[in-house]
Amino acid sequence: MSFVCDYCGKGRQKAHKVSHSNIKTRKWQEPNLQPVRAMRDGQVVRVRACTRCIRTGRVSKAA
């Protein structure tokens, strides 16, 4: 399952988890993706959109 927004293309980012002793291990930061029923080209489809796109109105939700 890919962690990519269908509208803006925002995806996973590589980061470091830093312990108290300053040991760095890799981790992934994933965007807050939500499954949404949206209108695309006059059709209702299920898409994965980040909350930023939903909030700003890029995603036209199907009623």
N, C-alpha and C. Protein backbone atom coordinates (compact mmCIF):
# COMPACT_ATOMS: atom_id res chain seq x y z
N MET A 1 0.85 -1.17 0.00
CA MET A 1 0.00 0.00 0.00
C MET A 1 0.89 1.24 0.00
N SER A 2 0.71 2.11 -0.96
CA SER A 2 1.58 3.27 -1.05
C SER A 2 1.02 4.42 -0.20
N PHE A 3 1.89 5.08 0.46
CA PHE A 3 1.50 6.21 1.29
C PHE A 3 1.72 7.50 0.51
N VAL A 4 0.88 7.72 -0.51
CA VAL A 4 0.99 8.89 -1.36
C VAL A 4 -0.39 9.48 -1.54
N CYS A 5 -0.50 10.80 -1.39
CA CYS A 5 -1.76 11.49 -1.61
C CYS A 5 -2.06 11.50 -3.11
N ASP A 6 -3.32 11.22 -3.48
CA ASP A 6 -3.71 11.18 -4.89
C ASP A 6 -3.81 12.58 -5.50
N TYR A 7 -3.80 13.63 -4.69
CA TYR A 7 -3.97 14.98 -5.21
C TYR A 7 -2.65 15.76 -5.26
N CYS A 8 -1.92 15.80 -4.16
CA CYS A 8 -0.71 16.62 -4.14
C CYS A 8 0.57 15.79 -4.27
N GLY A 9 0.46 14.48 -4.12
CA GLY A 9 1.64 13.63 -4.25
C GLY A 9 2.51 13.56 -3.01
N LYS A 10 2.01 14.07 -1.91
CA LYS A 10 2.79 14.02 -0.66
C LYS A 10 2.97 12.57 -0.25
N GLY A 11 4.21 12.19 0.08
CA GLY A 11 4.51 10.81 0.41
C GLY A 11 5.27 10.69 1.71
N ARG A 12 5.87 9.50 1.89
CA ARG A 12 6.62 9.23 3.11
C ARG A 12 7.95 9.98 3.10
N GLN A 13 8.43 10.34 4.30
CA GLN A 13 9.73 10.98 4.43
C GLN A 13 10.59 10.16 5.39
N LYS A 14 11.86 10.08 5.06
CA LYS A 14 12.79 9.38 5.93
C LYS A 14 13.25 10.34 7.03
N ALA A 15 13.32 9.83 8.25
CA ALA A 15 13.75 10.66 9.38
C ALA A 15 14.57 9.80 10.33
N HIS A 16 15.04 10.40 11.39
CA HIS A 16 15.79 9.68 12.41
C HIS A 16 15.05 9.75 13.73
N LYS A 17 14.98 8.60 14.39
CA LYS A 17 14.52 8.57 15.77
C LYS A 17 15.76 8.72 16.62
N VAL A 18 15.80 9.71 17.51
CA VAL A 18 16.99 9.99 18.30
C VAL A 18 16.72 9.60 19.74
N SER A 19 17.54 8.69 20.26
CA SER A 19 17.37 8.23 21.63
C SER A 19 18.02 9.23 22.61
N HIS A 20 17.86 8.94 23.87
CA HIS A 20 18.44 9.79 24.91
C HIS A 20 19.96 9.80 24.81
N SER A 21 20.55 8.67 24.38
CA SER A 21 22.00 8.60 24.24
C SER A 21 22.46 9.06 22.86
N ASN A 22 21.58 9.68 22.11
CA ASN A 22 21.86 10.29 20.80
C ASN A 22 22.18 9.24 19.73
N ILE A 23 21.65 8.03 19.90
CA ILE A 23 21.77 7.01 18.85
C ILE A 23 20.63 7.24 17.86
N LYS A 24 20.99 7.29 16.58
CA LYS A 24 19.99 7.60 15.55
C LYS A 24 19.63 6.33 14.78
N THR A 25 18.35 6.03 14.72
CA THR A 25 17.86 4.92 13.93
C THR A 25 16.84 5.46 12.94
N ARG A 26 16.72 4.79 11.79
CA ARG A 26 15.83 5.28 10.74
C ARG A 26 14.38 5.01 11.08
N LYS A 27 13.53 5.92 10.69
CA LYS A 27 12.09 5.72 10.79
C LYS A 27 11.45 6.45 9.62
N TRP A 28 10.20 6.16 9.37
CA TRP A 28 9.45 6.80 8.29
C TRP A 28 8.35 7.66 8.89
N GLN A 29 8.23 8.87 8.37
CA GLN A 29 7.11 9.74 8.75
C GLN A 29 6.12 9.69 7.62
N GLU A 30 4.90 9.27 7.93
CA GLU A 30 3.90 9.09 6.89
C GLU A 30 2.84 10.18 6.99
N PRO A 31 2.34 10.66 5.84
CA PRO A 31 1.31 11.71 5.86
C PRO A 31 0.00 11.15 6.39
N ASN A 32 -0.85 12.03 6.87
CA ASN A 32 -2.15 11.65 7.40
C ASN A 32 -3.11 11.48 6.24
N LEU A 33 -3.17 10.27 5.69
CA LEU A 33 -4.02 9.99 4.54
C LEU A 33 -5.35 9.43 5.01
N GLN A 34 -6.42 9.88 4.37
CA GLN A 34 -7.76 9.42 4.69
C GLN A 34 -8.43 8.90 3.44
N PRO A 35 -9.16 7.78 3.54
CA PRO A 35 -9.94 7.33 2.39
C PRO A 35 -11.18 8.21 2.24
N VAL A 36 -11.38 8.75 1.05
CA VAL A 36 -12.47 9.70 0.82
C VAL A 36 -13.21 9.31 -0.45
N ARG A 37 -14.52 9.41 -0.44
CA ARG A 37 -15.30 9.28 -1.66
C ARG A 37 -15.37 10.66 -2.29
N ALA A 38 -14.78 10.80 -3.47
CA ALA A 38 -14.66 12.11 -4.10
C ALA A 38 -15.16 12.04 -5.54
N MET A 39 -15.50 13.21 -6.07
CA MET A 39 -15.93 13.33 -7.46
C MET A 39 -14.70 13.56 -8.32
N ARG A 40 -14.51 12.70 -9.33
CA ARG A 40 -13.44 12.87 -10.31
C ARG A 40 -14.01 12.61 -11.69
N ASP A 41 -13.97 13.61 -12.54
CA ASP A 41 -14.48 13.51 -13.90
C ASP A 41 -15.94 13.05 -13.93
N GLY A 42 -16.74 13.55 -13.00
CA GLY A 42 -18.16 13.22 -12.95
C GLY A 42 -18.46 11.85 -12.35
N GLN A 43 -17.46 11.15 -11.86
CA GLN A 43 -17.65 9.82 -11.27
C GLN A 43 -17.27 9.87 -9.80
N VAL A 44 -17.95 9.07 -9.00
CA VAL A 44 -17.61 8.95 -7.59
C VAL A 44 -16.58 7.84 -7.44
N VAL A 45 -15.41 8.18 -6.93
CA VAL A 45 -14.33 7.21 -6.74
C VAL A 45 -13.79 7.33 -5.33
N ARG A 46 -13.19 6.24 -4.85
CA ARG A 46 -12.54 6.27 -3.54
C ARG A 46 -11.07 6.63 -3.76
N VAL A 47 -10.62 7.67 -3.08
CA VAL A 47 -9.24 8.12 -3.21
C VAL A 47 -8.62 8.21 -1.82
N ARG A 48 -7.30 8.29 -1.81
CA ARG A 48 -6.56 8.52 -0.56
C ARG A 48 -6.04 9.94 -0.63
N ALA A 49 -6.54 10.79 0.24
CA ALA A 49 -6.15 12.20 0.23
C ALA A 49 -5.61 12.59 1.60
N CYS A 50 -4.59 13.45 1.60
CA CYS A 50 -4.06 13.94 2.87
C CYS A 50 -5.04 14.96 3.45
N THR A 51 -4.95 15.16 4.73
CA THR A 51 -5.90 16.05 5.40
C THR A 51 -5.71 17.50 4.97
N ARG A 52 -4.53 17.86 4.53
CA ARG A 52 -4.30 19.22 4.04
C ARG A 52 -5.13 19.47 2.78
N CYS A 53 -5.15 18.51 1.86
CA CYS A 53 -5.93 18.66 0.63
C CYS A 53 -7.43 18.67 0.92
N ILE A 54 -7.86 17.86 1.88
CA ILE A 54 -9.28 17.84 2.24
C ILE A 54 -9.68 19.17 2.85
N ARG A 55 -8.82 19.70 3.72
CA ARG A 55 -9.14 20.93 4.44
C ARG A 55 -9.14 22.14 3.52
N THR A 56 -8.24 22.19 2.55
CA THR A 56 -8.15 23.37 1.68
C THR A 56 -9.16 23.34 0.55
N GLY A 57 -9.85 22.20 0.35
CA GLY A 57 -10.90 22.15 -0.65
C GLY A 57 -10.44 21.61 -1.99
N ARG A 58 -9.27 21.04 -2.07
CA ARG A 58 -8.84 20.41 -3.34
C ARG A 58 -9.68 19.20 -3.67
N VAL A 59 -10.16 18.52 -2.63
CA VAL A 59 -10.97 17.32 -2.81
C VAL A 59 -12.43 17.74 -2.79
N SER A 60 -13.17 17.44 -3.86
CA SER A 60 -14.60 17.71 -3.86
C SER A 60 -15.31 16.43 -3.44
N LYS A 61 -15.79 16.42 -2.20
CA LYS A 61 -16.39 15.23 -1.64
C LYS A 61 -17.72 14.92 -2.32
N ALA A 62 -18.00 13.65 -2.48
CA ALA A 62 -19.27 13.21 -3.03
C ALA A 62 -20.29 13.13 -1.89
N ALA A 63 -21.49 13.58 -2.16
CA ALA A 63 -22.51 13.58 -1.10
C ALA A 63 -23.16 12.23 -0.93
